[in-house]
Amino acid sequence: MEQEAFYLQTFLEAASYRISGNLLEIYNASGDRILVFVAQ
């Protein structure tokens, strides 16, 4: 449950994203990459 809460809180901090090939990168307002998803 802690992992889910951490993920949801982090996702709420999203300010921008970038898609490159099969990679989705999500950034916060400071420009720090906070989440990365890879399509398989």
N, C-alpha and C. Protein backbone atom coordinates (compact mmCIF):
# COMPACT_ATOMS: atom_id res chain seq x y z
N MET A 1 0.82 -1.20 0.00
CA MET A 1 0.00 0.00 0.00
C MET A 1 0.87 1.26 0.00
N GLU A 2 2.01 1.23 0.67
CA GLU A 2 2.90 2.39 0.68
C GLU A 2 3.43 2.69 -0.72
N GLN A 3 3.71 1.63 -1.47
CA GLN A 3 4.22 1.81 -2.83
C GLN A 3 3.17 2.50 -3.71
N GLU A 4 1.93 2.10 -3.57
CA GLU A 4 0.85 2.72 -4.34
C GLU A 4 0.70 4.19 -3.97
N ALA A 5 0.74 4.50 -2.69
CA ALA A 5 0.61 5.88 -2.24
C ALA A 5 1.76 6.73 -2.78
N PHE A 6 2.97 6.18 -2.76
CA PHE A 6 4.14 6.90 -3.29
C PHE A 6 3.96 7.18 -4.78
N TYR A 7 3.53 6.16 -5.53
CA TYR A 7 3.32 6.32 -6.97
C TYR A 7 2.28 7.41 -7.24
N LEU A 8 1.15 7.37 -6.56
CA LEU A 8 0.09 8.34 -6.79
C LEU A 8 0.53 9.75 -6.44
N GLN A 9 1.24 9.90 -5.34
CA GLN A 9 1.72 11.22 -4.94
C GLN A 9 2.73 11.76 -5.96
N THR A 10 3.61 10.90 -6.42
CA THR A 10 4.59 11.31 -7.41
C THR A 10 3.91 11.73 -8.71
N PHE A 11 2.90 10.98 -9.12
CA PHE A 11 2.19 11.29 -10.36
C PHE A 11 1.48 12.65 -10.26
N LEU A 12 1.02 13.02 -9.08
CA LEU A 12 0.37 14.32 -8.90
C LEU A 12 1.33 15.48 -9.09
N GLU A 13 2.63 15.21 -8.96
CA GLU A 13 3.65 16.26 -9.13
C GLU A 13 4.02 16.48 -10.59
N ALA A 14 3.45 15.70 -11.49
CA ALA A 14 3.80 15.79 -12.91
C ALA A 14 3.46 17.17 -13.47
N ALA A 15 4.42 17.73 -14.20
CA ALA A 15 4.21 19.03 -14.83
C ALA A 15 4.40 18.97 -16.35
N SER A 16 5.18 18.00 -16.80
CA SER A 16 5.42 17.85 -18.23
C SER A 16 5.82 16.42 -18.53
N TYR A 17 5.85 16.09 -19.83
CA TYR A 17 6.25 14.74 -20.22
C TYR A 17 6.96 14.79 -21.56
N ARG A 18 7.67 13.71 -21.85
CA ARG A 18 8.35 13.57 -23.13
C ARG A 18 8.21 12.13 -23.59
N ILE A 19 7.87 11.95 -24.85
CA ILE A 19 7.77 10.62 -25.44
C ILE A 19 8.89 10.49 -26.47
N SER A 20 9.65 9.42 -26.35
CA SER A 20 10.73 9.16 -27.29
C SER A 20 10.73 7.66 -27.58
N GLY A 21 10.30 7.30 -28.77
CA GLY A 21 10.21 5.88 -29.11
C GLY A 21 9.22 5.18 -28.20
N ASN A 22 9.69 4.18 -27.48
CA ASN A 22 8.82 3.42 -26.57
C ASN A 22 8.95 3.90 -25.13
N LEU A 23 9.51 5.09 -24.92
CA LEU A 23 9.78 5.61 -23.58
C LEU A 23 8.91 6.83 -23.29
N LEU A 24 8.25 6.82 -22.16
CA LEU A 24 7.49 7.97 -21.66
C LEU A 24 8.15 8.45 -20.38
N GLU A 25 8.63 9.68 -20.38
CA GLU A 25 9.28 10.26 -19.21
C GLU A 25 8.39 11.39 -18.68
N ILE A 26 8.18 11.41 -17.39
CA ILE A 26 7.35 12.43 -16.75
C ILE A 26 8.23 13.24 -15.81
N TYR A 27 8.08 14.56 -15.90
CA TYR A 27 8.92 15.50 -15.15
C TYR A 27 8.08 16.35 -14.20
N ASN A 28 8.70 16.79 -13.11
CA ASN A 28 8.03 17.71 -12.19
C ASN A 28 8.31 19.15 -12.63
N ALA A 29 7.81 20.10 -11.89
CA ALA A 29 7.94 21.51 -12.26
C ALA A 29 9.39 21.99 -12.25
N SER A 30 10.26 21.31 -11.51
CA SER A 30 11.68 21.68 -11.47
C SER A 30 12.46 21.09 -12.62
N GLY A 31 11.81 20.25 -13.42
CA GLY A 31 12.49 19.62 -14.54
C GLY A 31 13.13 18.29 -14.20
N ASP A 32 12.89 17.80 -12.99
CA ASP A 32 13.43 16.50 -12.58
C ASP A 32 12.56 15.38 -13.13
N ARG A 33 13.19 14.36 -13.70
CA ARG A 33 12.44 13.20 -14.18
C ARG A 33 11.96 12.42 -12.96
N ILE A 34 10.66 12.23 -12.85
CA ILE A 34 10.11 11.57 -11.66
C ILE A 34 9.51 10.21 -11.94
N LEU A 35 9.09 9.96 -13.18
CA LEU A 35 8.55 8.65 -13.55
C LEU A 35 8.99 8.31 -14.96
N VAL A 36 9.20 7.02 -15.20
CA VAL A 36 9.57 6.54 -16.52
C VAL A 36 8.76 5.29 -16.81
N PHE A 37 8.16 5.26 -18.01
CA PHE A 37 7.41 4.09 -18.45
C PHE A 37 8.01 3.62 -19.76
N VAL A 38 8.11 2.30 -19.93
CA VAL A 38 8.65 1.71 -21.14
C VAL A 38 7.60 0.78 -21.72
N ALA A 39 7.22 1.03 -22.98
CA ALA A 39 6.28 0.15 -23.66
C ALA A 39 7.01 -1.13 -24.08
N GLN A 40 6.33 -2.23 -23.93
CA GLN A 40 6.94 -3.52 -24.30
C GLN A 40 6.14 -4.22 -25.35
